[in-house]
Amino acid sequence: TLYDAIADAYNDGSASEDDAEDMTAVAAAVVALQYFQDGNETFAQATKLDPSRVETQMEWARLFLEKYDPGHAEECLRDALKANPNHAEARYLMAKVRMTQGFNFVAATEELEKALATNPNLAEAHAFAATLDVRDRLWEKAHERLDRALAIDPTNPYALSVRAATYYIADDRRNYEKTLSALRQRDRRYVGH
């Protein structure tokens, strides 16, 4: 796979240990291969090489969020936003951190508003905003946000999974199964669900 090829490039010396971009690619590849500790260590190495590289901070934050470590994710995102205060995806991920750390709806909503003001076509931000609406039982608003997310990217796995969840909660079995089927076609992680 591509990830194996990138890891091999690191192991055979083709990827430079002195280049933050190369180390970020290696870190992302080993994380995709599910070597999370190696990925974490390689992100740390890449960050030492270039602490202001937004792409490195973003990928590292994603790893921390995936592994339920919002505190470290927040540190990465703060560094990314220091380098680029208008980075829409960093704002979206910071909204997720705000909810994960203490269900701070106000702070999460503010981050999402900033993200969408910068990039109104960030499907994941619309889908995440829909999850906040679901928590408030604002079903129509949630579906409008999901419509927007899926108009931007009809195969977005996150938006599809949120949409499936809303149908499941509403006991709409037909639309739940239809959406889940679309999700399974797009993302193999959902095949067994």
N, C-alpha and C. Protein backbone atom coordinates (compact mmCIF):
# COMPACT_ATOMS: atom_id res chain seq x y z
N THR A 1 0.84 -1.19 0.00
CA THR A 1 0.00 0.00 0.00
C THR A 1 0.88 1.25 0.00
N LEU A 2 0.24 2.37 -0.20
CA LEU A 2 0.95 3.65 -0.16
C LEU A 2 1.59 3.85 1.21
N TYR A 3 0.87 3.51 2.26
CA TYR A 3 1.40 3.69 3.61
C TYR A 3 2.63 2.83 3.83
N ASP A 4 2.59 1.60 3.36
CA ASP A 4 3.77 0.73 3.47
C ASP A 4 4.95 1.33 2.72
N ALA A 5 4.69 1.87 1.53
CA ALA A 5 5.76 2.47 0.72
C ALA A 5 6.39 3.65 1.44
N ILE A 6 5.57 4.46 2.10
CA ILE A 6 6.10 5.61 2.84
C ILE A 6 6.93 5.13 4.03
N ALA A 7 6.43 4.15 4.75
CA ALA A 7 7.19 3.60 5.87
C ALA A 7 8.50 2.99 5.38
N ASP A 8 8.45 2.29 4.26
CA ASP A 8 9.67 1.71 3.68
C ASP A 8 10.67 2.81 3.31
N ALA A 9 10.17 3.93 2.79
CA ALA A 9 11.04 5.05 2.42
C ALA A 9 11.77 5.58 3.65
N TYR A 10 11.10 5.58 4.77
CA TYR A 10 11.74 6.01 6.00
C TYR A 10 12.80 4.99 6.42
N ASN A 11 12.41 3.73 6.38
CA ASN A 11 13.33 2.67 6.83
C ASN A 11 14.56 2.55 5.95
N ASP A 12 14.42 2.81 4.65
CA ASP A 12 15.60 2.69 3.77
C ASP A 12 16.36 4.00 3.59
N GLY A 13 15.92 5.04 4.31
CA GLY A 13 16.64 6.31 4.27
C GLY A 13 16.22 7.25 3.16
N SER A 14 15.23 6.88 2.34
CA SER A 14 14.77 7.76 1.26
C SER A 14 14.05 8.99 1.79
N ALA A 15 13.36 8.83 2.89
CA ALA A 15 12.69 9.97 3.53
C ALA A 15 13.67 10.61 4.49
N SER A 16 13.80 11.90 4.40
CA SER A 16 14.79 12.61 5.21
C SER A 16 14.32 12.79 6.65
N GLU A 17 15.15 12.37 7.58
CA GLU A 17 14.86 12.57 9.00
C GLU A 17 15.02 14.03 9.41
N ASP A 18 15.53 14.84 8.50
CA ASP A 18 15.74 16.26 8.77
C ASP A 18 14.70 17.15 8.10
N ASP A 19 13.65 16.54 7.55
CA ASP A 19 12.62 17.28 6.84
C ASP A 19 11.27 17.06 7.51
N ALA A 20 10.67 18.14 8.01
CA ALA A 20 9.39 18.04 8.73
C ALA A 20 8.29 17.46 7.85
N GLU A 21 8.28 17.83 6.58
CA GLU A 21 7.24 17.31 5.68
C GLU A 21 7.38 15.80 5.50
N ASP A 22 8.61 15.33 5.29
CA ASP A 22 8.84 13.89 5.16
C ASP A 22 8.44 13.16 6.45
N MET A 23 8.83 13.72 7.59
CA MET A 23 8.52 13.06 8.86
C MET A 23 7.02 13.05 9.14
N THR A 24 6.33 14.11 8.72
CA THR A 24 4.87 14.14 8.88
C THR A 24 4.23 13.05 8.02
N ALA A 25 4.70 12.88 6.80
CA ALA A 25 4.17 11.84 5.92
C ALA A 25 4.43 10.46 6.52
N VAL A 26 5.62 10.25 7.05
CA VAL A 26 5.95 8.97 7.68
C VAL A 26 5.05 8.74 8.89
N ALA A 27 4.88 9.77 9.73
CA ALA A 27 4.04 9.64 10.92
C ALA A 27 2.60 9.29 10.54
N ALA A 28 2.05 10.00 9.56
CA ALA A 28 0.68 9.72 9.12
C ALA A 28 0.56 8.30 8.57
N ALA A 29 1.59 7.85 7.86
CA ALA A 29 1.56 6.50 7.29
C ALA A 29 1.59 5.44 8.39
N VAL A 30 2.46 5.60 9.37
CA VAL A 30 2.52 4.57 10.41
C VAL A 30 1.27 4.59 11.29
N VAL A 31 0.65 5.76 11.44
CA VAL A 31 -0.63 5.81 12.16
C VAL A 31 -1.69 5.06 11.35
N ALA A 32 -1.71 5.27 10.03
CA ALA A 32 -2.68 4.56 9.18
C ALA A 32 -2.46 3.05 9.24
N LEU A 33 -1.22 2.64 9.45
CA LEU A 33 -0.91 1.22 9.60
C LEU A 33 -1.14 0.74 11.04
N GLN A 34 -1.64 1.64 11.88
CA GLN A 34 -2.02 1.39 13.26
C GLN A 34 -0.84 1.16 14.20
N TYR A 35 0.28 1.80 13.88
CA TYR A 35 1.42 1.85 14.79
C TYR A 35 1.39 3.22 15.46
N PHE A 36 0.47 3.35 16.40
CA PHE A 36 0.15 4.66 16.97
C PHE A 36 1.29 5.26 17.77
N GLN A 37 1.98 4.46 18.56
CA GLN A 37 3.09 4.99 19.35
C GLN A 37 4.21 5.46 18.43
N ASP A 38 4.53 4.68 17.40
CA ASP A 38 5.56 5.11 16.43
C ASP A 38 5.12 6.40 15.74
N GLY A 39 3.85 6.49 15.39
CA GLY A 39 3.34 7.70 14.76
C GLY A 39 3.47 8.89 15.67
N ASN A 40 3.12 8.72 16.94
CA ASN A 40 3.23 9.79 17.91
C ASN A 40 4.68 10.27 18.02
N GLU A 41 5.60 9.35 18.12
CA GLU A 41 7.02 9.70 18.24
C GLU A 41 7.52 10.42 16.99
N THR A 42 7.04 9.99 15.83
CA THR A 42 7.48 10.61 14.58
C THR A 42 6.87 12.00 14.42
N PHE A 43 5.62 12.18 14.86
CA PHE A 43 5.04 13.53 14.86
C PHE A 43 5.85 14.45 15.78
N ALA A 44 6.27 13.93 16.93
CA ALA A 44 7.09 14.74 17.85
C ALA A 44 8.39 15.16 17.16
N GLN A 45 9.00 14.22 16.44
CA GLN A 45 10.24 14.52 15.71
C GLN A 45 9.98 15.59 14.64
N ALA A 46 8.90 15.45 13.89
CA ALA A 46 8.57 16.41 12.84
C ALA A 46 8.32 17.79 13.44
N THR A 47 7.66 17.84 14.60
CA THR A 47 7.36 19.11 15.24
C THR A 47 8.63 19.80 15.74
N LYS A 48 9.59 19.01 16.21
CA LYS A 48 10.87 19.60 16.63
C LYS A 48 11.57 20.24 15.43
N LEU A 49 11.44 19.62 14.27
CA LEU A 49 12.07 20.16 13.07
C LEU A 49 11.42 21.46 12.62
N ASP A 50 10.10 21.54 12.75
CA ASP A 50 9.38 22.76 12.34
C ASP A 50 8.12 22.90 13.19
N PRO A 51 8.24 23.57 14.35
CA PRO A 51 7.10 23.69 15.27
C PRO A 51 5.92 24.47 14.70
N SER A 52 6.14 25.29 13.68
CA SER A 52 5.05 26.10 13.14
C SER A 52 4.39 25.46 11.92
N ARG A 53 4.77 24.23 11.58
CA ARG A 53 4.18 23.57 10.41
C ARG A 53 2.75 23.12 10.75
N VAL A 54 1.78 23.79 10.20
CA VAL A 54 0.38 23.56 10.52
C VAL A 54 -0.04 22.13 10.19
N GLU A 55 0.37 21.61 9.05
CA GLU A 55 -0.05 20.28 8.62
C GLU A 55 0.38 19.21 9.64
N THR A 56 1.58 19.38 10.20
CA THR A 56 2.05 18.42 11.21
C THR A 56 1.18 18.50 12.45
N GLN A 57 0.94 19.73 12.91
CA GLN A 57 0.11 19.91 14.11
C GLN A 57 -1.29 19.33 13.91
N MET A 58 -1.84 19.51 12.71
CA MET A 58 -3.19 19.02 12.42
C MET A 58 -3.24 17.49 12.47
N GLU A 59 -2.30 16.86 11.80
CA GLU A 59 -2.28 15.39 11.79
C GLU A 59 -2.06 14.83 13.18
N TRP A 60 -1.19 15.46 13.94
CA TRP A 60 -0.92 15.02 15.30
C TRP A 60 -2.17 15.20 16.16
N ALA A 61 -2.86 16.31 16.00
CA ALA A 61 -4.11 16.55 16.74
C ALA A 61 -5.14 15.46 16.42
N ARG A 62 -5.24 15.09 15.15
CA ARG A 62 -6.19 14.03 14.76
C ARG A 62 -5.87 12.72 15.48
N LEU A 63 -4.58 12.40 15.56
CA LEU A 63 -4.19 11.18 16.28
C LEU A 63 -4.63 11.28 17.73
N PHE A 64 -4.35 12.39 18.38
CA PHE A 64 -4.74 12.54 19.78
C PHE A 64 -6.26 12.45 19.96
N LEU A 65 -7.01 13.06 19.06
CA LEU A 65 -8.47 12.96 19.17
C LEU A 65 -8.93 11.52 18.97
N GLU A 66 -8.33 10.83 18.01
CA GLU A 66 -8.71 9.44 17.76
C GLU A 66 -8.42 8.56 18.98
N LYS A 67 -7.37 8.90 19.72
CA LYS A 67 -6.97 8.10 20.88
C LYS A 67 -7.46 8.71 22.19
N TYR A 68 -8.48 9.56 22.10
CA TYR A 68 -9.15 10.12 23.28
C TYR A 68 -8.20 10.90 24.20
N ASP A 69 -7.40 11.74 23.58
CA ASP A 69 -6.49 12.59 24.33
C ASP A 69 -6.70 14.05 23.89
N PRO A 70 -7.83 14.64 24.29
CA PRO A 70 -8.13 16.00 23.83
C PRO A 70 -7.17 17.05 24.36
N GLY A 71 -6.54 16.81 25.49
CA GLY A 71 -5.60 17.78 26.03
C GLY A 71 -4.41 18.00 25.11
N HIS A 72 -3.82 16.90 24.66
CA HIS A 72 -2.70 17.02 23.72
C HIS A 72 -3.17 17.50 22.35
N ALA A 73 -4.37 17.10 21.95
CA ALA A 73 -4.92 17.59 20.68
C ALA A 73 -5.05 19.11 20.75
N GLU A 74 -5.52 19.61 21.88
CA GLU A 74 -5.67 21.06 22.04
C GLU A 74 -4.32 21.76 21.91
N GLU A 75 -3.27 21.20 22.50
CA GLU A 75 -1.94 21.80 22.38
C GLU A 75 -1.52 21.91 20.92
N CYS A 76 -1.72 20.84 20.16
CA CYS A 76 -1.36 20.86 18.74
C CYS A 76 -2.18 21.91 17.99
N LEU A 77 -3.46 21.96 18.28
CA LEU A 77 -4.33 22.90 17.58
C LEU A 77 -4.00 24.35 17.94
N ARG A 78 -3.64 24.57 19.18
CA ARG A 78 -3.23 25.94 19.56
C ARG A 78 -1.99 26.36 18.76
N ASP A 79 -1.04 25.43 18.62
CA ASP A 79 0.15 25.74 17.83
C ASP A 79 -0.21 25.98 16.37
N ALA A 80 -1.12 25.18 15.84
CA ALA A 80 -1.55 25.36 14.45
C ALA A 80 -2.23 26.72 14.28
N LEU A 81 -3.08 27.07 15.24
CA LEU A 81 -3.81 28.34 15.15
C LEU A 81 -2.91 29.54 15.43
N LYS A 82 -1.82 29.32 16.16
CA LYS A 82 -0.84 30.38 16.34
C LYS A 82 -0.20 30.72 14.99
N ALA A 83 0.08 29.67 14.22
CA ALA A 83 0.68 29.86 12.90
C ALA A 83 -0.33 30.38 11.88
N ASN A 84 -1.59 29.94 12.00
CA ASN A 84 -2.65 30.36 11.07
C ASN A 84 -3.98 30.45 11.83
N PRO A 85 -4.29 31.62 12.37
CA PRO A 85 -5.51 31.78 13.18
C PRO A 85 -6.80 31.52 12.42
N ASN A 86 -6.75 31.54 11.10
CA ASN A 86 -7.96 31.33 10.30
C ASN A 86 -8.02 29.94 9.67
N HIS A 87 -7.29 29.01 10.18
CA HIS A 87 -7.29 27.66 9.62
C HIS A 87 -8.62 26.98 9.97
N ALA A 88 -9.47 26.83 8.99
CA ALA A 88 -10.84 26.34 9.22
C ALA A 88 -10.86 24.96 9.84
N GLU A 89 -10.05 24.06 9.35
CA GLU A 89 -10.08 22.70 9.88
C GLU A 89 -9.57 22.65 11.32
N ALA A 90 -8.59 23.49 11.65
CA ALA A 90 -8.11 23.56 13.03
C ALA A 90 -9.23 24.07 13.95
N ARG A 91 -10.00 25.03 13.47
CA ARG A 91 -11.13 25.54 14.25
C ARG A 91 -12.19 24.45 14.46
N TYR A 92 -12.46 23.70 13.40
CA TYR A 92 -13.42 22.59 13.50
C TYR A 92 -12.94 21.56 14.53
N LEU A 93 -11.67 21.19 14.44
CA LEU A 93 -11.14 20.20 15.39
C LEU A 93 -11.13 20.76 16.81
N MET A 94 -10.89 22.06 16.94
CA MET A 94 -10.93 22.67 18.27
C MET A 94 -12.35 22.61 18.83
N ALA A 95 -13.35 22.72 17.99
CA ALA A 95 -14.74 22.56 18.44
C ALA A 95 -14.95 21.16 19.00
N LYS A 96 -14.37 20.17 18.34
CA LYS A 96 -14.48 18.79 18.85
C LYS A 96 -13.78 18.66 20.20
N VAL A 97 -12.62 19.31 20.33
CA VAL A 97 -11.91 19.30 21.61
C VAL A 97 -12.78 19.92 22.70
N ARG A 98 -13.40 21.05 22.39
CA ARG A 98 -14.23 21.74 23.39
C ARG A 98 -15.37 20.84 23.89
N MET A 99 -15.96 20.09 22.98
CA MET A 99 -17.03 19.18 23.39
C MET A 99 -16.48 17.98 24.15
N THR A 100 -15.36 17.47 23.72
CA THR A 100 -14.77 16.29 24.37
C THR A 100 -14.30 16.61 25.78
N GLN A 101 -13.76 17.80 25.97
CA GLN A 101 -13.19 18.17 27.27
C GLN A 101 -14.23 18.54 28.31
N GLY A 102 -15.40 18.94 27.91
CA GLY A 102 -16.35 19.33 28.94
C GLY A 102 -17.71 19.74 28.43
N PHE A 103 -18.05 19.27 27.25
CA PHE A 103 -19.35 19.58 26.67
C PHE A 103 -19.61 21.09 26.68
N ASN A 104 -18.61 21.84 26.25
CA ASN A 104 -18.74 23.30 26.20
C ASN A 104 -19.36 23.68 24.86
N PHE A 105 -20.70 23.68 24.84
CA PHE A 105 -21.45 23.97 23.62
C PHE A 105 -21.15 25.37 23.09
N VAL A 106 -21.02 26.33 23.99
CA VAL A 106 -20.80 27.71 23.57
C VAL A 106 -19.45 27.83 22.85
N ALA A 107 -18.39 27.32 23.47
CA ALA A 107 -17.06 27.41 22.86
C ALA A 107 -17.00 26.59 21.57
N ALA A 108 -17.65 25.42 21.57
CA ALA A 108 -17.65 24.59 20.36
C ALA A 108 -18.37 25.31 19.22
N THR A 109 -19.50 25.92 19.54
CA THR A 109 -20.26 26.65 18.52
C THR A 109 -19.46 27.84 17.99
N GLU A 110 -18.76 28.54 18.87
CA GLU A 110 -17.93 29.67 18.43
C GLU A 110 -16.83 29.19 17.47
N GLU A 111 -16.20 28.08 17.80
CA GLU A 111 -15.14 27.54 16.92
C GLU A 111 -15.73 27.12 15.57
N LEU A 112 -16.90 26.50 15.59
CA LEU A 112 -17.53 26.09 14.33
C LEU A 112 -17.90 27.31 13.49
N GLU A 113 -18.40 28.35 14.13
CA GLU A 113 -18.74 29.57 13.39
C GLU A 113 -17.50 30.17 12.72
N LYS A 114 -16.37 30.17 13.43
CA LYS A 114 -15.12 30.67 12.86
C LYS A 114 -14.67 29.78 11.70
N ALA A 115 -14.78 28.47 11.88
CA ALA A 115 -14.39 27.54 10.82
C ALA A 115 -15.21 27.77 9.56
N LEU A 116 -16.51 27.86 9.73
CA LEU A 116 -17.40 27.99 8.57
C LEU A 116 -17.37 29.39 7.97
N ALA A 117 -16.98 30.39 8.75
CA ALA A 117 -16.81 31.73 8.19
C ALA A 117 -15.61 31.75 7.25
N THR A 118 -14.59 30.98 7.60
CA THR A 118 -13.39 30.89 6.77
C THR A 118 -13.61 29.97 5.58
N ASN A 119 -14.25 28.82 5.84
CA ASN A 119 -14.49 27.84 4.78
C ASN A 119 -15.90 27.28 4.91
N PRO A 120 -16.86 27.90 4.24
CA PRO A 120 -18.24 27.43 4.34
C PRO A 120 -18.46 26.06 3.67
N ASN A 121 -17.44 25.54 3.00
CA ASN A 121 -17.55 24.24 2.34
C ASN A 121 -16.86 23.12 3.11
N LEU A 122 -16.64 23.30 4.39
CA LEU A 122 -16.02 22.27 5.22
C LEU A 122 -17.11 21.32 5.72
N ALA A 123 -17.30 20.25 4.98
CA ALA A 123 -18.41 19.32 5.24
C ALA A 123 -18.39 18.79 6.67
N GLU A 124 -17.20 18.46 7.17
CA GLU A 124 -17.10 17.91 8.52
C GLU A 124 -17.61 18.89 9.56
N ALA A 125 -17.36 20.18 9.36
CA ALA A 125 -17.83 21.19 10.33
C ALA A 125 -19.35 21.26 10.33
N HIS A 126 -19.95 21.19 9.16
CA HIS A 126 -21.42 21.17 9.09
C HIS A 126 -21.97 19.92 9.80
N ALA A 127 -21.33 18.79 9.56
CA ALA A 127 -21.79 17.54 10.17
C ALA A 127 -21.63 17.59 11.69
N PHE A 128 -20.51 18.14 12.16
CA PHE A 128 -20.32 18.24 13.60
C PHE A 128 -21.33 19.20 14.22
N ALA A 129 -21.61 20.30 13.53
CA ALA A 129 -22.65 21.22 14.01
C ALA A 129 -23.99 20.50 14.13
N ALA A 130 -24.24 19.59 13.21
CA ALA A 130 -25.48 18.81 13.27
C ALA A 130 -25.52 17.95 14.53
N THR A 131 -24.38 17.43 14.97
CA THR A 131 -24.38 16.62 16.19
C THR A 131 -24.77 17.48 17.40
N LEU A 132 -24.36 18.74 17.37
CA LEU A 132 -24.75 19.64 18.47
C LEU A 132 -26.25 19.89 18.43
N ASP A 133 -26.79 20.04 17.22
CA ASP A 133 -28.24 20.21 17.08
C ASP A 133 -28.99 18.98 17.57
N VAL A 134 -28.46 17.80 17.28
CA VAL A 134 -29.11 16.56 17.73
C VAL A 134 -29.15 16.52 19.26
N ARG A 135 -28.06 16.92 19.89
CA ARG A 135 -28.04 16.93 21.35
C ARG A 135 -29.11 17.85 21.93
N ASP A 136 -29.43 18.91 21.17
CA ASP A 136 -30.49 19.84 21.59
C ASP A 136 -31.86 19.46 21.03
N ARG A 137 -31.92 18.32 20.35
CA ARG A 137 -33.15 17.81 19.74
C ARG A 137 -33.71 18.77 18.68
N LEU A 138 -32.81 19.43 17.98
CA LEU A 138 -33.19 20.32 16.88
C LEU A 138 -33.06 19.53 15.58
N TRP A 139 -33.97 18.61 15.38
CA TRP A 139 -33.88 17.63 14.30
C TRP A 139 -33.86 18.28 12.92
N GLU A 140 -34.77 19.23 12.72
CA GLU A 140 -34.85 19.87 11.40
C GLU A 140 -33.56 20.62 11.08
N LYS A 141 -33.05 21.34 12.06
CA LYS A 141 -31.79 22.08 11.86
C LYS A 141 -30.64 21.11 11.60
N ALA A 142 -30.63 20.00 12.33
CA ALA A 142 -29.57 18.99 12.12
C ALA A 142 -29.63 18.45 10.70
N HIS A 143 -30.81 18.13 10.23
CA HIS A 143 -30.94 17.60 8.86
C HIS A 143 -30.56 18.66 7.81
N GLU A 144 -30.87 19.92 8.08
CA GLU A 144 -30.45 20.98 7.15
C GLU A 144 -28.92 21.06 7.07
N ARG A 145 -28.27 20.96 8.22
CA ARG A 145 -26.81 20.99 8.23
C ARG A 145 -26.23 19.77 7.51
N LEU A 146 -26.85 18.62 7.73
CA LEU A 146 -26.37 17.41 7.05
C LEU A 146 -26.62 17.49 5.56
N ASP A 147 -27.76 18.07 5.16
CA ASP A 147 -28.00 18.29 3.73
C ASP A 147 -26.88 19.13 3.14
N ARG A 148 -26.48 20.18 3.87
CA ARG A 148 -25.40 21.06 3.39
C ARG A 148 -24.09 20.28 3.30
N ALA A 149 -23.76 19.52 4.34
CA ALA A 149 -22.52 18.74 4.34
C ALA A 149 -22.49 17.76 3.18
N LEU A 150 -23.60 17.08 2.95
CA LEU A 150 -23.65 16.06 1.89
C LEU A 150 -23.79 16.68 0.51
N ALA A 151 -24.26 17.93 0.43
CA ALA A 151 -24.24 18.63 -0.86
C ALA A 151 -22.80 18.97 -1.24
N ILE A 152 -21.99 19.26 -0.24
CA ILE A 152 -20.57 19.57 -0.46
C ILE A 152 -19.82 18.29 -0.82
N ASP A 153 -20.07 17.23 -0.07
CA ASP A 153 -19.37 15.95 -0.27
C ASP A 153 -20.35 14.81 -0.02
N PRO A 154 -21.00 14.31 -1.08
CA PRO A 154 -22.04 13.30 -0.92
C PRO A 154 -21.57 11.97 -0.33
N THR A 155 -20.27 11.73 -0.32
CA THR A 155 -19.76 10.46 0.20
C THR A 155 -18.98 10.65 1.50
N ASN A 156 -19.11 11.79 2.14
CA ASN A 156 -18.36 12.06 3.37
C ASN A 156 -18.78 11.08 4.46
N PRO A 157 -17.85 10.24 4.92
CA PRO A 157 -18.22 9.20 5.89
C PRO A 157 -18.73 9.77 7.22
N TYR A 158 -18.15 10.86 7.65
CA TYR A 158 -18.60 11.45 8.92
C TYR A 158 -20.03 11.97 8.80
N ALA A 159 -20.31 12.71 7.74
CA ALA A 159 -21.66 13.24 7.54
C ALA A 159 -22.67 12.10 7.37
N LEU A 160 -22.28 11.07 6.64
CA LEU A 160 -23.17 9.92 6.46
C LEU A 160 -23.43 9.20 7.79
N SER A 161 -22.40 9.08 8.61
CA SER A 161 -22.59 8.39 9.90
C SER A 161 -23.49 9.20 10.83
N VAL A 162 -23.34 10.53 10.81
CA VAL A 162 -24.22 11.38 11.63
C VAL A 162 -25.66 11.28 11.11
N ARG A 163 -25.80 11.31 9.79
CA ARG A 163 -27.15 11.18 9.22
C ARG A 163 -27.76 9.83 9.61
N ALA A 164 -27.00 8.75 9.51
CA ALA A 164 -27.51 7.43 9.91
C ALA A 164 -27.93 7.44 11.38
N ALA A 165 -27.13 8.08 12.22
CA ALA A 165 -27.46 8.14 13.64
C ALA A 165 -28.76 8.90 13.88
N THR A 166 -28.98 9.98 13.14
CA THR A 166 -30.23 10.74 13.32
C THR A 166 -31.43 9.90 12.91
N TYR A 167 -31.30 9.14 11.85
CA TYR A 167 -32.40 8.26 11.43
C TYR A 167 -32.63 7.16 12.46
N TYR A 168 -31.54 6.63 13.01
CA TYR A 168 -31.67 5.58 14.01
C TYR A 168 -32.41 6.10 15.25
N ILE A 169 -32.00 7.28 15.71
CA ILE A 169 -32.64 7.89 16.88
C ILE A 169 -34.12 8.14 16.62
N ALA A 170 -34.44 8.53 15.39
CA ALA A 170 -35.84 8.80 15.03
C ALA A 170 -36.63 7.53 14.72
N ASP A 171 -35.97 6.38 14.85
CA ASP A 171 -36.58 5.08 14.55
C ASP A 171 -37.08 5.00 13.11
N ASP A 172 -36.33 5.64 12.21
CA ASP A 172 -36.62 5.61 10.77
C ASP A 172 -35.73 4.53 10.15
N ARG A 173 -36.16 3.30 10.27
CA ARG A 173 -35.36 2.15 9.88
C ARG A 173 -34.99 2.16 8.40
N ARG A 174 -35.93 2.53 7.54
CA ARG A 174 -35.68 2.51 6.10
C ARG A 174 -34.55 3.46 5.72
N ASN A 175 -34.64 4.71 6.18
CA ASN A 175 -33.59 5.68 5.85
C ASN A 175 -32.28 5.39 6.57
N TYR A 176 -32.39 4.81 7.76
CA TYR A 176 -31.18 4.39 8.47
C TYR A 176 -30.42 3.35 7.66
N GLU A 177 -31.11 2.32 7.20
CA GLU A 177 -30.47 1.25 6.43
C GLU A 177 -29.92 1.79 5.10
N LYS A 178 -30.68 2.66 4.45
CA LYS A 178 -30.24 3.25 3.19
C LYS A 178 -28.95 4.06 3.38
N THR A 179 -28.92 4.87 4.43
CA THR A 179 -27.74 5.69 4.70
C THR A 179 -26.57 4.83 5.13
N LEU A 180 -26.83 3.83 5.93
CA LEU A 180 -25.77 2.93 6.37
C LEU A 180 -25.18 2.17 5.18
N SER A 181 -26.02 1.80 4.24
CA SER A 181 -25.55 1.13 3.03
C SER A 181 -24.60 2.05 2.24
N ALA A 182 -24.98 3.30 2.10
CA ALA A 182 -24.11 4.27 1.40
C ALA A 182 -22.79 4.45 2.14
N LEU A 183 -22.86 4.44 3.45
CA LEU A 183 -21.66 4.58 4.27
C LEU A 183 -20.75 3.37 4.11
N ARG A 184 -21.33 2.20 4.13
CA ARG A 184 -20.53 0.97 3.96
C ARG A 184 -19.81 0.94 2.63
N GLN A 185 -20.47 1.45 1.58
CA GLN A 185 -19.84 1.50 0.26
C GLN A 185 -18.65 2.44 0.26
N ARG A 186 -18.72 3.46 1.06
CA ARG A 186 -17.67 4.50 1.09
C ARG A 186 -16.53 4.15 2.04
N ASP A 187 -16.85 3.55 3.17
CA ASP A 187 -15.86 3.38 4.22
C ASP A 187 -15.95 1.96 4.79
N ARG A 188 -14.93 1.19 4.56
CA ARG A 188 -14.91 -0.23 4.97
C ARG A 188 -15.01 -0.42 6.49
N ARG A 189 -14.72 0.60 7.27
CA ARG A 189 -14.79 0.45 8.73
C ARG A 189 -16.21 0.17 9.19
N TYR A 190 -17.22 0.49 8.35
CA TYR A 190 -18.61 0.35 8.77
C TYR A 190 -19.25 -0.94 8.23
N VAL A 191 -18.47 -1.80 7.61
CA VAL A 191 -19.05 -2.99 6.97
C VAL A 191 -19.75 -3.88 7.98
N GLY A 192 -19.20 -4.04 9.15
CA GLY A 192 -19.79 -4.94 10.14
C GLY A 192 -20.91 -4.34 10.96
N HIS A 193 -21.22 -3.07 10.78
CA HIS A 193 -22.23 -2.40 11.62
C HIS A 193 -23.60 -2.52 11.01
